[in-house]
Amino acid sequence: MLTARHAWQLRLGNGLHLMLGRDAELAEVRLRRFVEIYPSVEKRKQHEYVDLRYPNGFALRVPDWNG
């Protein structure tokens, strides 16, 4: 989906929300990076939101996490 601010977002079938940013080419690179690493991250916690707009990684939001 393209937001009102012209940024790409995805909502997966499991409810996970991915923020990809405005640049479609960078969004593809970011999504590829996420797909490569996420299986190892997914095992640790349930995530609800992933912000892929960082140049060297991504941020995860964990519901009800205090830390």
PDB file of N, CA and C in Angstrom:
ATOM      1  N   MET A   1       0.842  -1.155   0.000  1.00  0.00           N
ATOM      2  CA  MET A   1       0.000   0.000   0.000  1.00  0.00           C
ATOM      3  C   MET A   1       0.898   1.232   0.000  1.00  0.00           C
ATOM      4  N   LEU A   2       0.459   2.265  -0.670  1.00  0.00           N
ATOM      5  CA  LEU A   2       1.151   3.538  -0.697  1.00  0.00           C
ATOM      6  C   LEU A   2       0.399   4.498   0.226  1.00  0.00           C
ATOM      7  N   THR A   3       1.094   5.065   1.220  1.00  0.00           N
ATOM      8  CA  THR A   3       0.450   5.945   2.192  1.00  0.00           C
ATOM      9  C   THR A   3       0.201   7.329   1.592  1.00  0.00           C
ATOM     10  N   ALA A   4      -0.500   8.166   2.352  1.00  0.00           N
ATOM     11  CA  ALA A   4      -0.752   9.541   1.932  1.00  0.00           C
ATOM     12  C   ALA A   4       0.553  10.325   1.777  1.00  0.00           C
ATOM     13  N   ARG A   5       1.587   9.906   2.478  1.00  0.00           N
ATOM     14  CA  ARG A   5       2.906  10.557   2.380  1.00  0.00           C
ATOM     15  C   ARG A   5       3.779   9.885   1.329  1.00  0.00           C
ATOM     16  N   HIS A   6       3.189   9.028   0.516  1.00  0.00           N
ATOM     17  CA  HIS A   6       3.870   8.342  -0.585  1.00  0.00           C
ATOM     18  C   HIS A   6       4.979   7.400  -0.113  1.00  0.00           C
ATOM     19  N   ALA A   7       4.740   6.740   1.002  1.00  0.00           N
ATOM     20  CA  ALA A   7       5.672   5.748   1.529  1.00  0.00           C
ATOM     21  C   ALA A   7       5.038   4.368   1.382  1.00  0.00           C
ATOM     22  N   TRP A   8       5.851   3.377   1.090  1.00  0.00           N
ATOM     23  CA  TRP A   8       5.371   2.011   0.920  1.00  0.00           C
ATOM     24  C   TRP A   8       5.253   1.311   2.264  1.00  0.00           C
ATOM     25  N   GLN A   9       4.140   0.600   2.449  1.00  0.00           N
ATOM     26  CA  GLN A   9       3.889  -0.204   3.642  1.00  0.00           C
ATOM     27  C   GLN A   9       3.303  -1.542   3.207  1.00  0.00           C
ATOM     28  N   LEU A  10       3.586  -2.562   3.990  1.00  0.00           N
ATOM     29  CA  LEU A  10       2.993  -3.886   3.763  1.00  0.00           C
ATOM     30  C   LEU A  10       2.370  -4.372   5.060  1.00  0.00           C
ATOM     31  N   ARG A  11       1.269  -5.068   4.955  1.00  0.00           N
ATOM     32  CA  ARG A  11       0.666  -5.754   6.105  1.00  0.00           C
ATOM     33  C   ARG A  11       0.622  -7.225   5.717  1.00  0.00           C
ATOM     34  N   LEU A  12       1.344  -8.065   6.449  1.00  0.00           N
ATOM     35  CA  LEU A  12       1.410  -9.490   6.153  1.00  0.00           C
ATOM     36  C   LEU A  12       0.203 -10.221   6.726  1.00  0.00           C
ATOM     37  N   GLY A  13      -0.023 -11.429   6.274  1.00  0.00           N
ATOM     38  CA  GLY A  13      -1.154 -12.232   6.720  1.00  0.00           C
ATOM     39  C   GLY A  13      -1.153 -12.507   8.213  1.00  0.00           C
ATOM     40  N   ASN A  14       0.027 -12.504   8.834  1.00  0.00           N
ATOM     41  CA  ASN A  14       0.108 -12.740  10.278  1.00  0.00           C
ATOM     42  C   ASN A  14      -0.066 -11.456  11.090  1.00  0.00           C
ATOM     43  N   GLY A  15      -0.364 -10.332  10.397  1.00  0.00           N
ATOM     44  CA  GLY A  15      -0.593  -9.068  11.067  1.00  0.00           C
ATOM     45  C   GLY A  15       0.627  -8.173  11.178  1.00  0.00           C
ATOM     46  N   LEU A  16       1.792  -8.668  10.814  1.00  0.00           N
ATOM     47  CA  LEU A  16       3.019  -7.887  10.890  1.00  0.00           C
ATOM     48  C   LEU A  16       2.962  -6.721   9.906  1.00  0.00           C
ATOM     49  N   HIS A  17       3.292  -5.537  10.389  1.00  0.00           N
ATOM     50  CA  HIS A  17       3.247  -4.316   9.607  1.00  0.00           C
ATOM     51  C   HIS A  17       4.677  -3.915   9.251  1.00  0.00           C
ATOM     52  N   LEU A  18       4.974  -3.754   7.954  1.00  0.00           N
ATOM     53  CA  LEU A  18       6.307  -3.386   7.488  1.00  0.00           C
ATOM     54  C   LEU A  18       6.290  -1.989   6.893  1.00  0.00           C
ATOM     55  N   MET A  19       7.179  -1.134   7.372  1.00  0.00           N
ATOM     56  CA  MET A  19       7.365   0.204   6.823  1.00  0.00           C
ATOM     57  C   MET A  19       8.581   0.154   5.907  1.00  0.00           C
ATOM     58  N   LEU A  20       8.393   0.481   4.623  1.00  0.00           N
ATOM     59  CA  LEU A  20       9.471   0.364   3.647  1.00  0.00           C
ATOM     60  C   LEU A  20      10.043   1.693   3.181  1.00  0.00           C
ATOM     61  N   GLY A  21       9.345   2.784   3.362  1.00  0.00           N
ATOM     62  CA  GLY A  21       9.843   4.086   2.947  1.00  0.00           C
ATOM     63  C   GLY A  21       9.301   4.519   1.595  1.00  0.00           C
ATOM     64  N   ARG A  22       9.783   5.652   1.122  1.00  0.00           N
ATOM     65  CA  ARG A  22       9.253   6.267  -0.097  1.00  0.00           C
ATOM     66  C   ARG A  22       9.906   5.791  -1.388  1.00  0.00           C
ATOM     67  N   ASP A  23      11.159   5.474  -1.355  1.00  0.00           N
ATOM     68  CA  ASP A  23      11.898   5.092  -2.558  1.00  0.00           C
ATOM     69  C   ASP A  23      11.627   3.622  -2.879  1.00  0.00           C
ATOM     70  N   ALA A  24      10.984   3.373  -4.002  1.00  0.00           N
ATOM     71  CA  ALA A  24      10.588   2.009  -4.364  1.00  0.00           C
ATOM     72  C   ALA A  24      11.794   1.084  -4.546  1.00  0.00           C
ATOM     73  N   GLU A  25      12.868   1.585  -5.129  1.00  0.00           N
ATOM     74  CA  GLU A  25      14.055   0.749  -5.321  1.00  0.00           C
ATOM     75  C   GLU A  25      14.691   0.393  -3.980  1.00  0.00           C
ATOM     76  N   LEU A  26      14.809   1.367  -3.085  1.00  0.00           N
ATOM     77  CA  LEU A  26      15.345   1.084  -1.756  1.00  0.00           C
ATOM     78  C   LEU A  26      14.411   0.173  -0.973  1.00  0.00           C
ATOM     79  N   ALA A  27      13.121   0.329  -1.174  1.00  0.00           N
ATOM     80  CA  ALA A  27      12.148  -0.527  -0.487  1.00  0.00           C
ATOM     81  C   ALA A  27      12.386  -1.987  -0.842  1.00  0.00           C
ATOM     82  N   GLU A  28      12.684  -2.252  -2.096  1.00  0.00           N
ATOM     83  CA  GLU A  28      12.951  -3.632  -2.523  1.00  0.00           C
ATOM     84  C   GLU A  28      14.204  -4.179  -1.846  1.00  0.00           C
ATOM     85  N   VAL A  29      15.250  -3.373  -1.775  1.00  0.00           N
ATOM     86  CA  VAL A  29      16.496  -3.781  -1.116  1.00  0.00           C
ATOM     87  C   VAL A  29      16.249  -4.026   0.370  1.00  0.00           C
ATOM     88  N   ARG A  30      15.498  -3.138   1.000  1.00  0.00           N
ATOM     89  CA  ARG A  30      15.201  -3.269   2.433  1.00  0.00           C
ATOM     90  C   ARG A  30      14.376  -4.517   2.715  1.00  0.00           C
ATOM     91  N   LEU A  31      13.411  -4.779   1.867  1.00  0.00           N
ATOM     92  CA  LEU A  31      12.574  -5.961   2.046  1.00  0.00           C
ATOM     93  C   LEU A  31      13.403  -7.230   1.882  1.00  0.00           C
ATOM     94  N   ARG A  32      14.289  -7.252   0.926  1.00  0.00           N
ATOM     95  CA  ARG A  32      15.166  -8.409   0.718  1.00  0.00           C
ATOM     96  C   ARG A  32      16.033  -8.639   1.954  1.00  0.00           C
ATOM     97  N   ARG A  33      16.587  -7.572   2.514  1.00  0.00           N
ATOM     98  CA  ARG A  33      17.422  -7.677   3.721  1.00  0.00           C
ATOM     99  C   ARG A  33      16.604  -8.239   4.881  1.00  0.00           C
ATOM    100  N   PHE A  34      15.373  -7.754   5.021  1.00  0.00           N
ATOM    101  CA  PHE A  34      14.483  -8.230   6.078  1.00  0.00           C
ATOM    102  C   PHE A  34      14.174  -9.713   5.930  1.00  0.00           C
ATOM    103  N   VAL A  35      13.859 -10.146   4.720  1.00  0.00           N
ATOM    104  CA  VAL A  35      13.520 -11.548   4.458  1.00  0.00           C
ATOM    105  C   VAL A  35      14.687 -12.459   4.795  1.00  0.00           C
ATOM    106  N   GLU A  36      15.891 -12.001   4.562  1.00  0.00           N
ATOM    107  CA  GLU A  36      17.077 -12.818   4.851  1.00  0.00           C
ATOM    108  C   GLU A  36      17.291 -13.019   6.350  1.00  0.00           C
ATOM    109  N   ILE A  37      17.043 -12.002   7.146  1.00  0.00           N
ATOM    110  CA  ILE A  37      17.374 -12.093   8.574  1.00  0.00           C
ATOM    111  C   ILE A  37      16.191 -12.430   9.474  1.00  0.00           C
ATOM    112  N   TYR A  38      14.991 -12.148   9.042  1.00  0.00           N
ATOM    113  CA  TYR A  38      13.830 -12.287   9.923  1.00  0.00           C
ATOM    114  C   TYR A  38      13.625 -13.687  10.506  1.00  0.00           C
ATOM    115  N   PRO A  39      13.858 -14.764   9.780  1.00  0.00           N
ATOM    116  CA  PRO A  39      13.645 -16.088  10.393  1.00  0.00           C
ATOM    117  C   PRO A  39      14.428 -16.290  11.697  1.00  0.00           C
ATOM    118  N   SER A  40      15.624 -15.733  11.790  1.00  0.00           N
ATOM    119  CA  SER A  40      16.392 -15.884  13.032  1.00  0.00           C
ATOM    120  C   SER A  40      15.866 -14.965  14.131  1.00  0.00           C
ATOM    121  N   VAL A  41      15.286 -13.837  13.790  1.00  0.00           N
ATOM    122  CA  VAL A  41      14.736 -12.889  14.760  1.00  0.00           C
ATOM    123  C   VAL A  41      13.366 -13.340  15.244  1.00  0.00           C
ATOM    124  N   GLU A  42      12.571 -13.881  14.349  1.00  0.00           N
ATOM    125  CA  GLU A  42      11.190 -14.279  14.645  1.00  0.00           C
ATOM    126  C   GLU A  42      11.110 -15.292  15.781  1.00  0.00           C
ATOM    127  N   LYS A  43      12.103 -16.143  15.904  1.00  0.00           N
ATOM    128  CA  LYS A  43      12.092 -17.201  16.914  1.00  0.00           C
ATOM    129  C   LYS A  43      12.111 -16.649  18.338  1.00  0.00           C
ATOM    130  N   ARG A  44      12.627 -15.447  18.506  1.00  0.00           N
ATOM    131  CA  ARG A  44      12.815 -14.895  19.846  1.00  0.00           C
ATOM    132  C   ARG A  44      11.583 -14.229  20.423  1.00  0.00           C
ATOM    133  N   LYS A  45      10.864 -13.453  19.618  1.00  0.00           N
ATOM    134  CA  LYS A  45       9.713 -12.689  20.113  1.00  0.00           C
ATOM    135  C   LYS A  45       8.682 -12.541  19.010  1.00  0.00           C
ATOM    136  N   GLN A  46       7.457 -12.289  19.415  1.00  0.00           N
ATOM    137  CA  GLN A  46       6.387 -11.936  18.470  1.00  0.00           C
ATOM    138  C   GLN A  46       6.500 -10.439  18.185  1.00  0.00           C
ATOM    139  N   HIS A  47       6.496 -10.038  16.940  1.00  0.00           N
ATOM    140  CA  HIS A  47       6.629  -8.636  16.561  1.00  0.00           C
ATOM    141  C   HIS A  47       5.341  -8.149  15.919  1.00  0.00           C
ATOM    142  N   GLU A  48       5.073  -6.863  16.063  1.00  0.00           N
ATOM    143  CA  GLU A  48       3.874  -6.307  15.452  1.00  0.00           C
ATOM    144  C   GLU A  48       4.206  -5.266  14.388  1.00  0.00           C
ATOM    145  N   TYR A  49       5.434  -4.724  14.406  1.00  0.00           N
ATOM    146  CA  TYR A  49       5.788  -3.621  13.540  1.00  0.00           C
ATOM    147  C   TYR A  49       7.274  -3.691  13.237  1.00  0.00           C
ATOM    148  N   VAL A  50       7.630  -3.511  11.971  1.00  0.00           N
ATOM    149  CA  VAL A  50       9.035  -3.492  11.575  1.00  0.00           C
ATOM    150  C   VAL A  50       9.271  -2.254  10.723  1.00  0.00           C
ATOM    151  N   ASP A  51      10.218  -1.431  11.141  1.00  0.00           N
ATOM    152  CA  ASP A  51      10.567  -0.223  10.402  1.00  0.00           C
ATOM    153  C   ASP A  51      11.856  -0.500   9.639  1.00  0.00           C
ATOM    154  N   LEU A  52      11.730  -0.618   8.318  1.00  0.00           N
ATOM    155  CA  LEU A  52      12.862  -0.966   7.466  1.00  0.00           C
ATOM    156  C   LEU A  52      13.528   0.255   6.840  1.00  0.00           C
ATOM    157  N   ARG A  53      13.191   1.441   7.292  1.00  0.00           N
ATOM    158  CA  ARG A  53      13.680   2.659   6.652  1.00  0.00           C
ATOM    159  C   ARG A  53      15.096   3.055   7.061  1.00  0.00           C
ATOM    160  N   TYR A  54      15.745   2.281   7.878  1.00  0.00           N
ATOM    161  CA  TYR A  54      17.113   2.574   8.295  1.00  0.00           C
ATOM    162  C   TYR A  54      18.095   2.082   7.241  1.00  0.00           C
ATOM    163  N   PRO A  55      19.197   2.812   7.013  1.00  0.00           N
ATOM    164  CA  PRO A  55      20.125   2.422   5.949  1.00  0.00           C
ATOM    165  C   PRO A  55      20.901   1.137   6.229  1.00  0.00           C
ATOM    166  N   ASN A  56      21.098   0.785   7.504  1.00  0.00           N
ATOM    167  CA  ASN A  56      21.936  -0.374   7.822  1.00  0.00           C
ATOM    168  C   ASN A  56      21.242  -1.429   8.661  1.00  0.00           C
ATOM    169  N   GLY A  57      19.925  -1.408   8.734  1.00  0.00           N
ATOM    170  CA  GLY A  57      19.223  -2.386   9.551  1.00  0.00           C
ATOM    171  C   GLY A  57      17.754  -2.053   9.643  1.00  0.00           C
ATOM    172  N   PHE A  58      17.116  -2.526  10.719  1.00  0.00           N
ATOM    173  CA  PHE A  58      15.702  -2.242  10.919  1.00  0.00           C
ATOM    174  C   PHE A  58      15.372  -2.273  12.396  1.00  0.00           C
ATOM    175  N   ALA A  59      14.229  -1.701  12.736  1.00  0.00           N
ATOM    176  CA  ALA A  59      13.767  -1.653  14.128  1.00  0.00           C
ATOM    177  C   ALA A  59      12.509  -2.494  14.257  1.00  0.00           C
ATOM    178  N   LEU A  60      12.396  -3.199  15.356  1.00  0.00           N
ATOM    179  CA  LEU A  60      11.238  -4.051  15.624  1.00  0.00           C
ATOM    180  C   LEU A  60      10.470  -3.508  16.821  1.00  0.00           C
ATOM    181  N   ARG A  61       9.158  -3.506  16.730  1.00  0.00           N
ATOM    182  CA  ARG A  61       8.319  -3.174  17.887  1.00  0.00           C
ATOM    183  C   ARG A  61       7.725  -4.475  18.410  1.00  0.00           C
ATOM    184  N   VAL A  62       7.956  -4.710  19.672  1.00  0.00           N
ATOM    185  CA  VAL A  62       7.458  -5.915  20.336  1.00  0.00           C
ATOM    186  C   VAL A  62       6.292  -5.494  21.229  1.00  0.00           C
ATOM    187  N   PRO A  63       5.112  -6.099  21.076  1.00  0.00           N
ATOM    188  CA  PRO A  63       3.985  -5.701  21.916  1.00  0.00           C
ATOM    189  C   PRO A  63       4.223  -6.022  23.386  1.00  0.00           C
ATOM    190  N   ASP A  64       3.831  -5.091  24.246  1.00  0.00           N
ATOM    191  CA  ASP A  64       3.897  -5.277  25.701  1.00  0.00           C
ATOM    192  C   ASP A  64       5.287  -5.623  26.207  1.00  0.00           C
ATOM    193  N   TRP A  65       6.319  -5.051  25.577  1.00  0.00           N
ATOM    194  CA  TRP A  65       7.684  -5.317  26.006  1.00  0.00           C
ATOM    195  C   TRP A  65       8.161  -4.166  26.866  1.00  0.00           C
ATOM    196  N   ASN A  66       8.648  -4.459  28.046  1.00  0.00           N
ATOM    197  CA  ASN A  66       9.194  -3.451  28.944  1.00  0.00           C
ATOM    198  C   ASN A  66      10.700  -3.652  29.039  1.00  0.00           C
ATOM    199  N   GLY A  67      11.442  -2.752  28.441  1.00  0.00           N
ATOM    200  CA  GLY A  67      12.877  -2.930  28.508  1.00  0.00           C
ATOM    201  C   GLY A  67      13.647  -1.898  27.886  1.00  0.00           C
TER     202      GLY A  67
END
